[in-house]
C-alpha atoms as a PDB file:
ATOM      1  CA  MET A   1    -149.095 -38.693  18.247  1.00  0.00           C
ATOM      2  CA  LYS A   2    -148.039 -39.997  14.835  1.00  0.00           C
ATOM      3  CA  PRO A   3    -150.498 -40.329  11.952  1.00  0.00           C
ATOM      4  CA  LEU A   4    -152.105 -43.787  11.968  1.00  0.00           C
ATOM      5  CA  ASN A   5    -150.324 -44.947   8.804  1.00  0.00           C
ATOM      6  CA  PHE A   6    -146.981 -44.024  10.364  1.00  0.00           C
ATOM      7  CA  ALA A   7    -147.881 -45.957  13.519  1.00  0.00           C
ATOM      8  CA  ILE A   8    -148.782 -48.984  11.395  1.00  0.00           C
ATOM      9  CA  LEU A   9    -145.411 -48.859   9.644  1.00  0.00           C
ATOM     10  CA  LYS A  10    -143.514 -48.386  12.913  1.00  0.00           C
ATOM     11  CA  HIS A  11    -145.295 -51.418  14.359  1.00  0.00           C
ATOM     12  CA  PHE A  12    -143.542 -53.598  11.786  1.00  0.00           C
ATOM     13  CA  THR A  13    -140.152 -52.418  13.057  1.00  0.00           C
ATOM     14  CA  LYS A  14    -141.015 -53.761  16.520  1.00  0.00           C
ATOM     15  CA  VAL A  15    -142.413 -57.236  15.738  1.00  0.00           C
ATOM     16  CA  GLU A  16    -141.284 -60.255  13.748  1.00  0.00           C
ATOM     17  CA  ASP A  17    -144.461 -60.207  11.669  1.00  0.00           C
ATOM     18  CA  ALA A  18    -148.118 -59.232  12.018  1.00  0.00           C
ATOM     19  CA  CYS A  19    -151.513 -59.512  10.373  1.00  0.00           C
ATOM     20  CA  ALA A  20    -154.155 -56.755  10.282  1.00  0.00           C
ATOM     21  CA  GLU A  21    -155.786 -58.052  13.466  1.00  0.00           C
ATOM     22  CA  ASP A  22    -152.435 -57.985  15.290  1.00  0.00           C
ATOM     23  CA  VAL A  23    -151.833 -54.388  14.219  1.00  0.00           C
ATOM     24  CA  ILE A  24    -155.308 -53.312  15.318  1.00  0.00           C
ATOM     25  CA  GLU A  25    -154.869 -54.994  18.693  1.00  0.00           C
ATOM     26  CA  ALA A  26    -151.457 -53.364  19.208  1.00  0.00           C
ATOM     27  CA  LEU A  27    -152.632 -49.872  18.267  1.00  0.00           C
ATOM     28  CA  LYS A  28    -156.150 -49.773  19.707  1.00  0.00           C
ATOM     29  CA  GLY A  29    -154.978 -48.342  23.029  1.00  0.00           C
ATOM     30  CA  GLN A  30    -153.694 -45.162  21.399  1.00  0.00           C
ATOM     31  CA  TYR A  31    -155.677 -45.106  18.128  1.00  0.00           C
ATOM     32  CA  GLY A  32    -158.904 -46.863  19.148  1.00  0.00           C
ATOM     33  CA  SER A  33    -161.032 -43.803  18.423  1.00  0.00           C
ATOM     34  CA  PHE A  34    -159.754 -43.503  14.833  1.00  0.00           C
ATOM     35  CA  LYS A  35    -162.352 -44.543  12.238  1.00  0.00           C
ATOM     36  CA  ALA A  36    -159.572 -45.924  10.027  1.00  0.00           C
ATOM     37  CA  LEU A  37    -158.436 -48.416  12.672  1.00  0.00           C
ATOM     38  CA  ASN A  38    -160.418 -51.262  11.137  1.00  0.00           C
ATOM     39  CA  LYS A  39    -159.423 -54.381   9.262  1.00  0.00           C
ATOM     40  CA  LYS A  40    -160.143 -53.041   5.768  1.00  0.00           C
ATOM     41  CA  GLU A  41    -158.189 -49.804   6.216  1.00  0.00           C
ATOM     42  CA  VAL A  42    -155.270 -51.406   8.071  1.00  0.00           C
ATOM     43  CA  LEU A  43    -154.982 -54.124   5.413  1.00  0.00           C
ATOM     44  CA  ASN A  44    -155.048 -51.423   2.744  1.00  0.00           C
ATOM     45  CA  ALA A  45    -152.219 -49.563   4.511  1.00  0.00           C
ATOM     46  CA  MET A  46    -150.225 -52.793   4.776  1.00  0.00           C
ATOM     47  CA  MET A  47    -150.711 -53.629   1.085  1.00  0.00           C
ATOM     48  CA  THR A  48    -149.670 -50.092   0.139  1.00  0.00           C
ATOM     49  CA  ALA A  49    -146.526 -50.446   2.257  1.00  0.00           C
ATOM     50  CA  GLU A  50    -145.815 -53.743   0.506  1.00  0.00           C
ATOM     51  CA  ALA A  51    -146.295 -52.154  -2.928  1.00  0.00           C
ATOM     52  CA  ASN A  52    -143.839 -49.441  -1.884  1.00  0.00           C
ATOM     53  CA  GLY A  53    -141.245 -52.007  -0.833  1.00  0.00           C
ATOM     54  CA  LEU A  54    -141.309 -51.294   2.909  1.00  0.00           C
ATOM     55  CA  ILE A  55    -142.763 -54.618   4.084  1.00  0.00           C
ATOM     56  CA  GLU A  56    -143.278 -58.057   2.554  1.00  0.00           C
ATOM     57  CA  GLU A  57    -145.579 -61.030   3.014  1.00  0.00           C
ATOM     58  CA  SER A  58    -144.200 -63.483   5.547  1.00  0.00           C
ATOM     59  CA  LYS A  59    -146.915 -66.147   5.801  1.00  0.00           C
ATOM     60  CA  LEU A  60    -150.547 -67.009   5.194  1.00  0.00           C
ATOM     61  CA  GLU A  61    -152.922 -68.700   7.639  1.00  0.00           C
ATOM     62  CA  MET A  62    -156.594 -69.599   7.817  1.00  0.00           C
ATOM     63  CA  ASP A  63    -158.366 -68.516  10.985  1.00  0.00           C
ATOM     64  CA  LYS A  64    -161.018 -70.588  12.764  1.00  0.00           C
ATOM     65  CA  SER A  65    -163.775 -69.126  10.601  1.00  0.00           C
ATOM     66  CA  GLY A  66    -161.920 -70.006   7.386  1.00  0.00           C
ATOM     67  CA  GLU A  67    -160.820 -66.452   6.620  1.00  0.00           C
ATOM     68  CA  LEU A  68    -157.355 -65.932   5.148  1.00  0.00           C
ATOM     69  CA  LYS A  69    -154.922 -63.983   7.343  1.00  0.00           C
ATOM     70  CA  ILE A  70    -151.956 -62.401   5.576  1.00  0.00           C
ATOM     71  CA  TYR A  71    -148.903 -61.706   7.713  1.00  0.00           C
ATOM     72  CA  TYR A  72    -146.309 -59.115   6.752  1.00  0.00           C
ATOM     73  CA  ARG A  73    -142.849 -58.320   8.040  1.00  0.00           C
ATOM     74  CA  ALA A  74    -140.393 -55.479   7.553  1.00  0.00           C
ATOM     75  CA  HIS A  75    -137.240 -56.672   5.805  1.00  0.00           C
ATOM     76  CA  GLN A  76    -134.009 -54.929   6.789  1.00  0.00           C
ATOM     77  CA  GLU A  77    -134.075 -52.328   4.008  1.00  0.00           C
ATOM     78  CA  GLY A  78    -137.718 -51.532   4.735  1.00  0.00           C
ATOM     79  CA  GLU A  79    -137.083 -51.270   8.457  1.00  0.00           C
ATOM     80  CA  ASP A  80    -134.130 -48.952   7.817  1.00  0.00           C
ATOM     81  CA  ALA A  81    -136.264 -46.713   5.578  1.00  0.00           C
ATOM     82  CA  ILE A  82    -139.164 -46.640   8.054  1.00  0.00           C
ATOM     83  CA  ASN A  83    -136.845 -45.759  10.940  1.00  0.00           C
ATOM     84  CA  LYS A  84    -135.060 -43.109   8.880  1.00  0.00           C
ATOM     85  CA  TYR A  85    -138.228 -41.193   8.074  1.00  0.00           C
ATOM     86  CA  ILE A  86    -140.474 -41.981  11.039  1.00  0.00           C
ATOM     87  CA  LYS A  87    -138.842 -41.260  14.378  1.00  0.00           C
ATOM     88  CA  ASP A  88    -140.067 -42.645  17.693  1.00  0.00           C
END
């Protein structure tokens, strides 16, 4: 099993884009027992990946409760770097 942060990054190589809730939903089957699989920590991992140039913001939406959802996507260079260093 990969470290959670690696799994988060790899998720972006398999989807068009995703928000923190999407990532949590996708990974909860394998990582559901991890304390760090929560919105705050996943969003932090995504923002760190963005700061490191691996993913970028793709869109913003408001959910039904009025909370902002930030979607990210892996651009080609980011996807190439993720796949180079994190194998399936």
